[in-house]
Amino acid sequence: MVVNTVLVIAVSYLLYKQFSLESGGNARAADTLVGKDSSAHSKKILIAYINMDSIENGYKLAKEVTNEVERRREAISKEMEKMEANYKGKMEGYQKKGATMTEEEVNAARQDLDNSMRQMSERRQNLDEEFGQWVRSKNLSVMKDIQDYLKKFNADGTYSFIFSYEPGFFYYKDTTFDITQTVLKGLNNQFKTTKK
């Protein structure tokens, strides 16, 4: 939050300096800047934004990825529940035999249960790591798809910046520059054609 505040202040200061150079006070400095790089002042800076919550909720590829993530999470959960049920069944079986077991059988049972617990723990850790990597790759793939589309969308250079809007990040937003629905429509059309 502090870094964001510092950045907003810095950008505000730079914009103030920029516009104060263009208006009479420092005309010579402005002429010098224009002389050095005339392209710097030839284009207006337009900033647009997209609402990422709306994109995530409305973009069909993002929805498919979310559904795929849920299916995989459920499969992992079922596999772990099955392993836990097997472990519990083993333990109950050993408990029933407990009174009639020899010391060697008790030690073997304890070792078997320890091995099962270790295997279960290792399997859970491996599944969690694989799942995390897979989710990250899927998210990066969706983000790359959005970025690639935004490059095509802004091929004419209309906007200097296109930000993703996160609630609580901006203190003020003008909905005139909200291009979310236009981008969302384009993303879904692109998704339909690539899916075919």
N, C-alpha and C. Protein backbone atom coordinates (compact mmCIF):
# COMPACT_ATOMS: atom_id res chain seq x y z
N MET A 1 0.83 -1.18 0.00
CA MET A 1 0.00 0.00 0.00
C MET A 1 0.88 1.25 0.00
N VAL A 2 1.97 1.22 0.78
CA VAL A 2 2.88 2.35 0.86
C VAL A 2 3.56 2.56 -0.49
N VAL A 3 4.01 1.47 -1.11
CA VAL A 3 4.67 1.56 -2.41
C VAL A 3 3.70 2.14 -3.44
N ASN A 4 2.46 1.69 -3.43
CA ASN A 4 1.46 2.21 -4.36
C ASN A 4 1.25 3.70 -4.15
N THR A 5 1.19 4.14 -2.91
CA THR A 5 1.01 5.55 -2.60
C THR A 5 2.19 6.37 -3.12
N VAL A 6 3.40 5.87 -2.90
CA VAL A 6 4.60 6.56 -3.38
C VAL A 6 4.58 6.64 -4.91
N LEU A 7 4.17 5.55 -5.57
CA LEU A 7 4.10 5.56 -7.03
C LEU A 7 3.07 6.56 -7.54
N VAL A 8 1.91 6.62 -6.89
CA VAL A 8 0.87 7.58 -7.30
C VAL A 8 1.38 9.01 -7.14
N ILE A 9 2.07 9.28 -6.03
CA ILE A 9 2.62 10.63 -5.80
C ILE A 9 3.67 10.94 -6.87
N ALA A 10 4.54 9.99 -7.17
CA ALA A 10 5.60 10.21 -8.17
C ALA A 10 5.00 10.47 -9.54
N VAL A 11 4.01 9.69 -9.94
CA VAL A 11 3.36 9.88 -11.24
C VAL A 11 2.65 11.23 -11.28
N SER A 12 1.99 11.59 -10.19
CA SER A 12 1.30 12.89 -10.12
C SER A 12 2.29 14.03 -10.28
N TYR A 13 3.43 13.91 -9.61
CA TYR A 13 4.47 14.93 -9.71
C TYR A 13 4.99 15.05 -11.13
N LEU A 14 5.25 13.90 -11.77
CA LEU A 14 5.75 13.91 -13.14
C LEU A 14 4.73 14.51 -14.10
N LEU A 15 3.45 14.17 -13.92
CA LEU A 15 2.42 14.76 -14.76
C LEU A 15 2.33 16.27 -14.54
N TYR A 16 2.42 16.68 -13.28
CA TYR A 16 2.41 18.11 -12.98
C TYR A 16 3.56 18.83 -13.69
N LYS A 17 4.75 18.25 -13.58
CA LYS A 17 5.93 18.85 -14.23
C LYS A 17 5.74 18.87 -15.74
N GLN A 18 5.20 17.83 -16.29
CA GLN A 18 5.00 17.73 -17.73
C GLN A 18 4.06 18.84 -18.21
N PHE A 19 2.92 18.98 -17.53
CA PHE A 19 1.94 19.97 -17.97
C PHE A 19 2.38 21.39 -17.64
N SER A 20 3.16 21.57 -16.59
CA SER A 20 3.64 22.90 -16.28
C SER A 20 4.70 23.33 -17.29
N LEU A 21 5.43 22.38 -17.87
CA LEU A 21 6.40 22.70 -18.92
C LEU A 21 5.67 23.17 -20.17
N GLU A 22 4.55 22.53 -20.49
CA GLU A 22 3.83 22.85 -21.72
C GLU A 22 3.14 24.21 -21.61
N SER A 23 2.72 24.62 -20.44
CA SER A 23 2.06 25.92 -20.29
C SER A 23 3.12 26.97 -19.95
N GLY A 24 3.06 28.09 -20.57
CA GLY A 24 3.93 29.24 -20.56
C GLY A 24 5.13 29.31 -19.66
N GLY A 25 5.09 28.94 -18.40
CA GLY A 25 6.16 29.16 -17.42
C GLY A 25 7.54 28.78 -17.91
N ASN A 26 7.71 27.62 -18.45
CA ASN A 26 9.02 27.16 -18.91
C ASN A 26 8.96 26.85 -20.40
N ALA A 27 8.56 27.77 -21.19
CA ALA A 27 8.38 27.53 -22.63
C ALA A 27 9.70 27.14 -23.29
N ARG A 28 10.82 27.78 -22.85
CA ARG A 28 12.10 27.43 -23.44
C ARG A 28 12.47 25.98 -23.17
N ALA A 29 12.21 25.52 -21.94
CA ALA A 29 12.51 24.12 -21.60
C ALA A 29 11.66 23.18 -22.44
N ALA A 30 10.40 23.55 -22.65
CA ALA A 30 9.51 22.72 -23.46
C ALA A 30 9.98 22.69 -24.90
N ASP A 31 10.40 23.87 -25.42
CA ASP A 31 10.93 23.91 -26.78
C ASP A 31 12.17 23.04 -26.92
N THR A 32 13.02 23.06 -25.90
CA THR A 32 14.22 22.23 -25.92
C THR A 32 13.85 20.76 -25.96
N LEU A 33 12.85 20.37 -25.13
CA LEU A 33 12.41 18.97 -25.12
C LEU A 33 11.84 18.57 -26.47
N VAL A 34 11.00 19.42 -27.03
CA VAL A 34 10.40 19.10 -28.33
C VAL A 34 11.47 19.03 -29.39
N GLY A 35 12.45 19.92 -29.30
CA GLY A 35 13.55 19.89 -30.27
C GLY A 35 14.33 18.60 -30.20
N LYS A 36 14.54 18.09 -29.00
CA LYS A 36 15.29 16.85 -28.84
C LYS A 36 14.51 15.65 -29.30
N ASP A 37 13.23 15.61 -28.95
CA ASP A 37 12.42 14.43 -29.30
C ASP A 37 11.00 14.89 -29.58
N SER A 38 10.73 15.22 -30.81
CA SER A 38 9.42 15.74 -31.15
C SER A 38 8.33 14.70 -31.02
N SER A 39 8.70 13.42 -31.10
CA SER A 39 7.68 12.37 -30.97
C SER A 39 7.15 12.26 -29.55
N ALA A 40 7.88 12.78 -28.58
CA ALA A 40 7.46 12.68 -27.19
C ALA A 40 6.17 13.44 -26.93
N HIS A 41 5.91 14.51 -27.69
CA HIS A 41 4.72 15.32 -27.45
C HIS A 41 3.70 15.22 -28.58
N SER A 42 3.95 14.35 -29.54
CA SER A 42 3.05 14.27 -30.69
C SER A 42 1.83 13.39 -30.43
N LYS A 43 1.82 12.64 -29.36
CA LYS A 43 0.72 11.72 -29.10
C LYS A 43 0.19 11.95 -27.69
N LYS A 44 -1.13 11.96 -27.58
CA LYS A 44 -1.74 12.05 -26.26
C LYS A 44 -1.62 10.71 -25.57
N ILE A 45 -1.50 10.76 -24.27
CA ILE A 45 -1.44 9.53 -23.49
C ILE A 45 -2.87 9.17 -23.08
N LEU A 46 -3.33 8.01 -23.56
CA LEU A 46 -4.64 7.51 -23.18
C LEU A 46 -4.46 6.24 -22.36
N ILE A 47 -5.16 6.19 -21.25
CA ILE A 47 -5.07 5.04 -20.36
C ILE A 47 -6.44 4.40 -20.27
N ALA A 48 -6.49 3.09 -20.44
CA ALA A 48 -7.74 2.34 -20.30
C ALA A 48 -7.51 1.26 -19.25
N TYR A 49 -8.60 0.65 -18.83
CA TYR A 49 -8.45 -0.43 -17.86
C TYR A 49 -9.46 -1.52 -18.14
N ILE A 50 -9.13 -2.72 -17.64
CA ILE A 50 -10.06 -3.84 -17.69
C ILE A 50 -10.27 -4.33 -16.27
N ASN A 51 -11.48 -4.73 -15.98
CA ASN A 51 -11.80 -5.25 -14.66
C ASN A 51 -11.53 -6.76 -14.67
N MET A 52 -10.50 -7.19 -13.97
CA MET A 52 -10.08 -8.60 -14.01
C MET A 52 -11.14 -9.54 -13.43
N ASP A 53 -11.91 -9.09 -12.45
CA ASP A 53 -12.98 -9.94 -11.92
C ASP A 53 -13.99 -10.27 -13.01
N SER A 54 -14.36 -9.25 -13.79
CA SER A 54 -15.31 -9.46 -14.89
C SER A 54 -14.72 -10.36 -15.96
N ILE A 55 -13.45 -10.18 -16.26
CA ILE A 55 -12.78 -11.02 -17.27
C ILE A 55 -12.78 -12.47 -16.78
N GLU A 56 -12.38 -12.68 -15.52
CA GLU A 56 -12.33 -14.05 -14.98
C GLU A 56 -13.71 -14.71 -14.96
N ASN A 57 -14.74 -13.92 -14.69
CA ASN A 57 -16.10 -14.47 -14.62
C ASN A 57 -16.75 -14.63 -15.99
N GLY A 58 -16.31 -13.85 -16.98
CA GLY A 58 -16.97 -13.88 -18.27
C GLY A 58 -16.19 -14.52 -19.41
N TYR A 59 -14.88 -14.67 -19.24
CA TYR A 59 -14.05 -15.23 -20.30
C TYR A 59 -14.18 -16.75 -20.30
N LYS A 60 -14.62 -17.29 -21.42
CA LYS A 60 -14.92 -18.72 -21.49
C LYS A 60 -13.70 -19.60 -21.23
N LEU A 61 -12.54 -19.19 -21.72
CA LEU A 61 -11.32 -19.97 -21.45
C LEU A 61 -11.03 -19.99 -19.95
N ALA A 62 -11.17 -18.84 -19.30
CA ALA A 62 -10.94 -18.77 -17.84
C ALA A 62 -11.93 -19.66 -17.10
N LYS A 63 -13.18 -19.69 -17.56
CA LYS A 63 -14.18 -20.56 -16.93
C LYS A 63 -13.81 -22.03 -17.12
N GLU A 64 -13.37 -22.38 -18.33
CA GLU A 64 -12.96 -23.76 -18.58
C GLU A 64 -11.79 -24.16 -17.69
N VAL A 65 -10.83 -23.27 -17.56
CA VAL A 65 -9.66 -23.55 -16.72
C VAL A 65 -10.11 -23.70 -15.26
N THR A 66 -11.01 -22.84 -14.80
CA THR A 66 -11.52 -22.94 -13.43
C THR A 66 -12.20 -24.28 -13.20
N ASN A 67 -13.03 -24.69 -14.16
CA ASN A 67 -13.71 -25.99 -14.04
C ASN A 67 -12.71 -27.14 -14.05
N GLU A 68 -11.69 -27.03 -14.90
CA GLU A 68 -10.67 -28.07 -14.96
C GLU A 68 -9.89 -28.15 -13.65
N VAL A 69 -9.61 -27.00 -13.07
CA VAL A 69 -8.90 -26.95 -11.78
C VAL A 69 -9.75 -27.62 -10.70
N GLU A 70 -11.05 -27.32 -10.69
CA GLU A 70 -11.94 -27.94 -9.70
C GLU A 70 -12.01 -29.46 -9.87
N ARG A 71 -12.11 -29.91 -11.12
CA ARG A 71 -12.15 -31.36 -11.37
C ARG A 71 -10.88 -32.04 -10.87
N ARG A 72 -9.74 -31.42 -11.15
CA ARG A 72 -8.48 -32.02 -10.71
C ARG A 72 -8.37 -31.98 -9.19
N ARG A 73 -8.82 -30.89 -8.57
CA ARG A 73 -8.78 -30.80 -7.11
C ARG A 73 -9.65 -31.88 -6.48
N GLU A 74 -10.82 -32.12 -7.07
CA GLU A 74 -11.72 -33.17 -6.56
C GLU A 74 -11.09 -34.56 -6.73
N ALA A 75 -10.42 -34.79 -7.86
CA ALA A 75 -9.76 -36.09 -8.09
C ALA A 75 -8.67 -36.32 -7.05
N ILE A 76 -7.90 -35.28 -6.76
CA ILE A 76 -6.85 -35.39 -5.74
C ILE A 76 -7.48 -35.67 -4.39
N SER A 77 -8.55 -34.97 -4.08
CA SER A 77 -9.23 -35.16 -2.81
C SER A 77 -9.76 -36.59 -2.67
N LYS A 78 -10.34 -37.11 -3.75
CA LYS A 78 -10.86 -38.48 -3.72
C LYS A 78 -9.73 -39.50 -3.54
N GLU A 79 -8.62 -39.26 -4.23
CA GLU A 79 -7.49 -40.18 -4.08
C GLU A 79 -6.97 -40.19 -2.65
N MET A 80 -6.89 -39.00 -2.04
CA MET A 80 -6.40 -38.92 -0.66
C MET A 80 -7.41 -39.54 0.31
N GLU A 81 -8.70 -39.35 0.07
CA GLU A 81 -9.72 -39.97 0.92
C GLU A 81 -9.63 -41.49 0.84
N LYS A 82 -9.38 -42.01 -0.35
CA LYS A 82 -9.25 -43.46 -0.53
C LYS A 82 -8.03 -43.99 0.23
N MET A 83 -6.91 -43.27 0.14
CA MET A 83 -5.71 -43.69 0.87
C MET A 83 -5.95 -43.65 2.38
N GLU A 84 -6.62 -42.60 2.84
CA GLU A 84 -6.91 -42.50 4.28
C GLU A 84 -7.85 -43.61 4.74
N ALA A 85 -8.82 -43.95 3.88
CA ALA A 85 -9.75 -45.04 4.22
C ALA A 85 -8.99 -46.37 4.30
N ASN A 86 -8.06 -46.60 3.36
CA ASN A 86 -7.25 -47.82 3.40
C ASN A 86 -6.41 -47.89 4.66
N TYR A 87 -5.83 -46.75 5.03
CA TYR A 87 -5.00 -46.69 6.24
C TYR A 87 -5.86 -46.99 7.46
N LYS A 88 -7.02 -46.36 7.52
CA LYS A 88 -7.92 -46.56 8.65
C LYS A 88 -8.37 -48.02 8.73
N GLY A 89 -8.66 -48.62 7.56
CA GLY A 89 -9.07 -50.03 7.52
C GLY A 89 -7.97 -50.94 8.03
N LYS A 90 -6.72 -50.66 7.62
CA LYS A 90 -5.57 -51.44 8.10
C LYS A 90 -5.46 -51.33 9.61
N MET A 91 -5.56 -50.10 10.10
CA MET A 91 -5.40 -49.88 11.54
C MET A 91 -6.50 -50.61 12.33
N GLU A 92 -7.71 -50.54 11.85
CA GLU A 92 -8.81 -51.24 12.53
C GLU A 92 -8.60 -52.75 12.50
N GLY A 93 -8.11 -53.26 11.38
CA GLY A 93 -7.82 -54.69 11.27
C GLY A 93 -6.78 -55.12 12.28
N TYR A 94 -5.72 -54.32 12.42
CA TYR A 94 -4.68 -54.65 13.39
C TYR A 94 -5.22 -54.54 14.82
N GLN A 95 -6.09 -53.58 15.08
CA GLN A 95 -6.65 -53.42 16.42
C GLN A 95 -7.52 -54.61 16.79
N LYS A 96 -8.25 -55.15 15.83
CA LYS A 96 -9.09 -56.33 16.10
C LYS A 96 -8.23 -57.54 16.44
N LYS A 97 -7.11 -57.67 15.76
CA LYS A 97 -6.21 -58.81 16.01
C LYS A 97 -5.33 -58.56 17.22
N GLY A 98 -5.30 -57.32 17.71
CA GLY A 98 -4.35 -56.89 18.73
C GLY A 98 -4.13 -57.85 19.88
N ALA A 99 -5.18 -58.40 20.44
CA ALA A 99 -5.06 -59.27 21.62
C ALA A 99 -4.38 -60.59 21.29
N THR A 100 -4.53 -61.05 20.06
CA THR A 100 -3.98 -62.36 19.69
C THR A 100 -2.63 -62.27 18.98
N MET A 101 -2.13 -61.07 18.77
CA MET A 101 -0.88 -60.89 18.01
C MET A 101 0.33 -61.11 18.90
N THR A 102 1.37 -61.67 18.30
CA THR A 102 2.64 -61.82 19.00
C THR A 102 3.37 -60.48 18.94
N GLU A 103 4.45 -60.41 19.69
CA GLU A 103 5.24 -59.17 19.72
C GLU A 103 5.80 -58.85 18.34
N GLU A 104 6.25 -59.88 17.63
CA GLU A 104 6.78 -59.69 16.27
C GLU A 104 5.69 -59.16 15.33
N GLU A 105 4.49 -59.70 15.47
CA GLU A 105 3.38 -59.26 14.62
C GLU A 105 2.99 -57.81 14.94
N VAL A 106 3.05 -57.45 16.23
CA VAL A 106 2.75 -56.07 16.63
C VAL A 106 3.77 -55.12 16.03
N ASN A 107 5.05 -55.50 16.10
CA ASN A 107 6.11 -54.65 15.52
C ASN A 107 5.95 -54.54 14.00
N ALA A 108 5.63 -55.64 13.35
CA ALA A 108 5.42 -55.64 11.90
C ALA A 108 4.22 -54.76 11.54
N ALA A 109 3.15 -54.85 12.34
CA ALA A 109 1.95 -54.03 12.10
C ALA A 109 2.27 -52.55 12.27
N ARG A 110 3.02 -52.23 13.32
CA ARG A 110 3.41 -50.84 13.57
C ARG A 110 4.25 -50.30 12.41
N GLN A 111 5.19 -51.12 11.95
CA GLN A 111 6.04 -50.71 10.83
C GLN A 111 5.21 -50.54 9.55
N ASP A 112 4.26 -51.45 9.33
CA ASP A 112 3.39 -51.36 8.17
C ASP A 112 2.57 -50.07 8.20
N LEU A 113 2.03 -49.74 9.38
CA LEU A 113 1.24 -48.51 9.51
C LEU A 113 2.11 -47.27 9.33
N ASP A 114 3.34 -47.30 9.87
CA ASP A 114 4.26 -46.17 9.69
C ASP A 114 4.59 -45.98 8.21
N ASN A 115 4.87 -47.10 7.51
CA ASN A 115 5.17 -47.03 6.08
C ASN A 115 3.98 -46.46 5.30
N SER A 116 2.79 -46.93 5.63
CA SER A 116 1.58 -46.45 4.95
C SER A 116 1.38 -44.96 5.18
N MET A 117 1.61 -44.52 6.42
CA MET A 117 1.46 -43.10 6.75
C MET A 117 2.50 -42.26 5.98
N ARG A 118 3.73 -42.73 5.91
CA ARG A 118 4.79 -42.03 5.19
C ARG A 118 4.46 -41.94 3.69
N GLN A 119 4.01 -43.06 3.11
CA GLN A 119 3.65 -43.07 1.70
C GLN A 119 2.49 -42.12 1.42
N MET A 120 1.54 -42.11 2.32
CA MET A 120 0.39 -41.22 2.17
C MET A 120 0.84 -39.75 2.23
N SER A 121 1.71 -39.45 3.16
CA SER A 121 2.22 -38.09 3.31
C SER A 121 3.03 -37.66 2.09
N GLU A 122 3.89 -38.54 1.60
CA GLU A 122 4.69 -38.24 0.41
C GLU A 122 3.80 -38.04 -0.82
N ARG A 123 2.80 -38.90 -0.94
CA ARG A 123 1.88 -38.80 -2.07
C ARG A 123 1.12 -37.47 -2.03
N ARG A 124 0.66 -37.08 -0.84
CA ARG A 124 -0.06 -35.81 -0.70
C ARG A 124 0.86 -34.65 -1.09
N GLN A 125 2.10 -34.68 -0.63
CA GLN A 125 3.04 -33.61 -0.94
C GLN A 125 3.30 -33.55 -2.45
N ASN A 126 3.51 -34.71 -3.08
CA ASN A 126 3.75 -34.74 -4.53
C ASN A 126 2.54 -34.23 -5.30
N LEU A 127 1.36 -34.67 -4.90
CA LEU A 127 0.14 -34.21 -5.58
C LEU A 127 -0.04 -32.71 -5.43
N ASP A 128 0.22 -32.19 -4.22
CA ASP A 128 0.09 -30.74 -3.99
C ASP A 128 1.07 -29.95 -4.85
N GLU A 129 2.32 -30.43 -4.93
CA GLU A 129 3.32 -29.74 -5.74
C GLU A 129 2.95 -29.78 -7.22
N GLU A 130 2.58 -30.96 -7.71
CA GLU A 130 2.20 -31.10 -9.12
C GLU A 130 0.99 -30.23 -9.43
N PHE A 131 0.01 -30.24 -8.54
CA PHE A 131 -1.20 -29.46 -8.73
C PHE A 131 -0.87 -27.96 -8.76
N GLY A 132 -0.05 -27.52 -7.82
CA GLY A 132 0.34 -26.11 -7.77
C GLY A 132 1.04 -25.67 -9.05
N GLN A 133 1.97 -26.47 -9.54
CA GLN A 133 2.68 -26.15 -10.78
C GLN A 133 1.71 -26.12 -11.96
N TRP A 134 0.81 -27.08 -12.00
CA TRP A 134 -0.16 -27.17 -13.09
C TRP A 134 -1.08 -25.95 -13.08
N VAL A 135 -1.57 -25.56 -11.89
CA VAL A 135 -2.44 -24.39 -11.78
C VAL A 135 -1.70 -23.13 -12.22
N ARG A 136 -0.45 -22.98 -11.78
CA ARG A 136 0.34 -21.80 -12.20
C ARG A 136 0.50 -21.75 -13.71
N SER A 137 0.78 -22.91 -14.33
CA SER A 137 0.96 -22.92 -15.79
C SER A 137 -0.35 -22.59 -16.50
N LYS A 138 -1.47 -23.08 -15.97
CA LYS A 138 -2.78 -22.76 -16.57
C LYS A 138 -3.08 -21.27 -16.43
N ASN A 139 -2.82 -20.70 -15.25
CA ASN A 139 -3.06 -19.27 -15.04
C ASN A 139 -2.18 -18.42 -15.95
N LEU A 140 -0.91 -18.81 -16.08
CA LEU A 140 0.00 -18.08 -16.97
C LEU A 140 -0.47 -18.16 -18.41
N SER A 141 -1.00 -19.32 -18.79
CA SER A 141 -1.51 -19.50 -20.14
C SER A 141 -2.70 -18.57 -20.41
N VAL A 142 -3.61 -18.47 -19.45
CA VAL A 142 -4.76 -17.57 -19.60
C VAL A 142 -4.29 -16.12 -19.66
N MET A 143 -3.36 -15.74 -18.76
CA MET A 143 -2.86 -14.37 -18.75
C MET A 143 -2.15 -14.03 -20.06
N LYS A 144 -1.39 -14.98 -20.60
CA LYS A 144 -0.70 -14.75 -21.87
C LYS A 144 -1.71 -14.57 -22.98
N ASP A 145 -2.77 -15.35 -22.96
CA ASP A 145 -3.83 -15.24 -23.96
C ASP A 145 -4.46 -13.84 -23.90
N ILE A 146 -4.72 -13.35 -22.69
CA ILE A 146 -5.30 -12.02 -22.52
C ILE A 146 -4.32 -10.95 -23.02
N GLN A 147 -3.05 -11.08 -22.64
CA GLN A 147 -2.05 -10.11 -23.07
C GLN A 147 -1.89 -10.10 -24.59
N ASP A 148 -1.86 -11.29 -25.20
CA ASP A 148 -1.75 -11.36 -26.66
C ASP A 148 -2.95 -10.70 -27.33
N TYR A 149 -4.14 -10.94 -26.77
CA TYR A 149 -5.32 -10.31 -27.34
C TYR A 149 -5.25 -8.79 -27.19
N LEU A 150 -4.80 -8.30 -26.03
CA LEU A 150 -4.71 -6.86 -25.81
C LEU A 150 -3.73 -6.22 -26.78
N LYS A 151 -2.67 -6.94 -27.15
CA LYS A 151 -1.73 -6.41 -28.16
C LYS A 151 -2.44 -6.25 -29.50
N LYS A 152 -3.24 -7.25 -29.89
CA LYS A 152 -4.01 -7.14 -31.14
C LYS A 152 -5.06 -6.04 -31.01
N PHE A 153 -5.74 -6.01 -29.89
CA PHE A 153 -6.80 -5.03 -29.64
C PHE A 153 -6.27 -3.61 -29.77
N ASN A 154 -5.07 -3.38 -29.30
CA ASN A 154 -4.47 -2.05 -29.29
C ASN A 154 -3.42 -1.90 -30.38
N ALA A 155 -3.54 -2.67 -31.45
CA ALA A 155 -2.55 -2.62 -32.53
C ALA A 155 -2.45 -1.23 -33.15
N ASP A 156 -3.55 -0.49 -33.14
CA ASP A 156 -3.53 0.86 -33.72
C ASP A 156 -2.91 1.89 -32.77
N GLY A 157 -2.56 1.46 -31.55
CA GLY A 157 -1.89 2.35 -30.60
C GLY A 157 -2.81 3.38 -29.96
N THR A 158 -4.10 3.09 -29.91
CA THR A 158 -5.05 4.03 -29.31
C THR A 158 -4.68 4.33 -27.86
N TYR A 159 -4.36 3.28 -27.11
CA TYR A 159 -4.07 3.44 -25.68
C TYR A 159 -2.58 3.32 -25.42
N SER A 160 -2.09 4.19 -24.55
CA SER A 160 -0.69 4.11 -24.14
C SER A 160 -0.50 3.03 -23.09
N PHE A 161 -1.51 2.89 -22.22
CA PHE A 161 -1.47 1.89 -21.14
C PHE A 161 -2.85 1.25 -21.02
N ILE A 162 -2.86 -0.06 -20.76
CA ILE A 162 -4.10 -0.75 -20.39
C ILE A 162 -3.80 -1.48 -19.09
N PHE A 163 -4.43 -1.02 -18.02
CA PHE A 163 -4.21 -1.59 -16.69
C PHE A 163 -5.31 -2.60 -16.38
N SER A 164 -5.00 -3.48 -15.45
CA SER A 164 -6.07 -4.33 -14.92
C SER A 164 -6.52 -3.68 -13.62
N TYR A 165 -7.82 -3.49 -13.51
CA TYR A 165 -8.39 -2.85 -12.33
C TYR A 165 -8.63 -3.87 -11.24
N GLU A 166 -8.12 -3.59 -10.07
CA GLU A 166 -8.34 -4.43 -8.90
C GLU A 166 -9.05 -3.56 -7.87
N PRO A 167 -10.18 -4.00 -7.32
CA PRO A 167 -10.87 -3.18 -6.32
C PRO A 167 -9.94 -2.81 -5.17
N GLY A 168 -9.98 -1.55 -4.77
CA GLY A 168 -9.14 -1.09 -3.66
C GLY A 168 -7.81 -0.54 -4.11
N PHE A 169 -7.45 -0.72 -5.40
CA PHE A 169 -6.15 -0.23 -5.87
C PHE A 169 -6.25 1.22 -6.30
N PHE A 170 -7.30 1.56 -7.05
CA PHE A 170 -7.49 2.94 -7.50
C PHE A 170 -8.48 3.64 -6.57
N TYR A 171 -8.23 4.91 -6.35
CA TYR A 171 -9.14 5.69 -5.52
C TYR A 171 -10.27 6.28 -6.36
N TYR A 172 -10.02 6.46 -7.64
CA TYR A 172 -11.03 7.00 -8.54
C TYR A 172 -10.87 6.33 -9.89
N LYS A 173 -11.99 6.05 -10.53
CA LYS A 173 -11.94 5.52 -11.88
C LYS A 173 -13.07 6.13 -12.67
N ASP A 174 -12.77 6.46 -13.91
CA ASP A 174 -13.76 7.00 -14.82
C ASP A 174 -14.19 5.87 -15.73
N THR A 175 -15.46 5.50 -15.67
CA THR A 175 -15.93 4.33 -16.43
C THR A 175 -15.87 4.55 -17.94
N THR A 176 -15.60 5.78 -18.36
CA THR A 176 -15.45 6.05 -19.79
C THR A 176 -14.31 5.21 -20.37
N PHE A 177 -13.29 4.97 -19.57
CA PHE A 177 -12.11 4.26 -20.05
C PHE A 177 -12.10 2.78 -19.66
N ASP A 178 -13.27 2.29 -19.25
CA ASP A 178 -13.41 0.86 -18.93
C ASP A 178 -13.70 0.11 -20.23
N ILE A 179 -12.73 -0.67 -20.69
CA ILE A 179 -12.88 -1.41 -21.95
C ILE A 179 -13.12 -2.89 -21.70
N THR A 180 -13.52 -3.22 -20.48
CA THR A 180 -13.68 -4.62 -20.09
C THR A 180 -14.62 -5.38 -21.00
N GLN A 181 -15.81 -4.86 -21.23
CA GLN A 181 -16.81 -5.59 -22.01
C GLN A 181 -16.37 -5.78 -23.46
N THR A 182 -15.73 -4.76 -24.03
CA THR A 182 -15.23 -4.86 -25.39
C THR A 182 -14.15 -5.94 -25.48
N VAL A 183 -13.23 -5.92 -24.52
CA VAL A 183 -12.14 -6.91 -24.49
C VAL A 183 -12.71 -8.30 -24.24
N LEU A 184 -13.65 -8.41 -23.33
CA LEU A 184 -14.26 -9.70 -23.01
C LEU A 184 -14.95 -10.30 -24.24
N LYS A 185 -15.68 -9.47 -24.97
CA LYS A 185 -16.34 -9.93 -26.19
C LYS A 185 -15.31 -10.42 -27.21
N GLY A 186 -14.25 -9.65 -27.38
CA GLY A 186 -13.19 -10.04 -28.31
C GLY A 186 -12.48 -11.31 -27.90
N LEU A 187 -12.19 -11.44 -26.60
CA LEU A 187 -11.53 -12.66 -26.09
C LEU A 187 -12.40 -13.89 -26.35
N ASN A 188 -13.69 -13.78 -26.08
CA ASN A 188 -14.58 -14.92 -26.28
C ASN A 188 -14.74 -15.26 -27.75
N ASN A 189 -14.77 -14.25 -28.62
CA ASN A 189 -14.82 -14.52 -30.06
C ASN A 189 -13.55 -15.22 -30.52
N GLN A 190 -12.40 -14.74 -30.02
CA GLN A 190 -11.12 -15.38 -30.36
C GLN A 190 -11.09 -16.81 -29.86
N PHE A 191 -11.62 -17.04 -28.65
CA PHE A 191 -11.64 -18.38 -28.07
C PHE A 191 -12.48 -19.32 -28.91
N LYS A 192 -13.65 -18.83 -29.39
CA LYS A 192 -14.52 -19.65 -30.24
C LYS A 192 -13.81 -20.08 -31.51
N THR A 193 -13.10 -19.14 -32.15
CA THR A 193 -12.43 -19.50 -33.40
C THR A 193 -11.25 -20.43 -33.16
N THR A 194 -10.50 -20.24 -32.08
CA THR A 194 -9.38 -21.14 -31.83
C THR A 194 -9.86 -22.51 -31.39
N LYS A 195 -11.02 -22.57 -30.73
CA LYS A 195 -11.56 -23.85 -30.28
C LYS A 195 -12.04 -24.69 -31.46
N LYS A 196 -12.57 -24.01 -32.50
CA LYS A 196 -13.03 -24.72 -33.69
C LYS A 196 -11.86 -25.34 -34.39
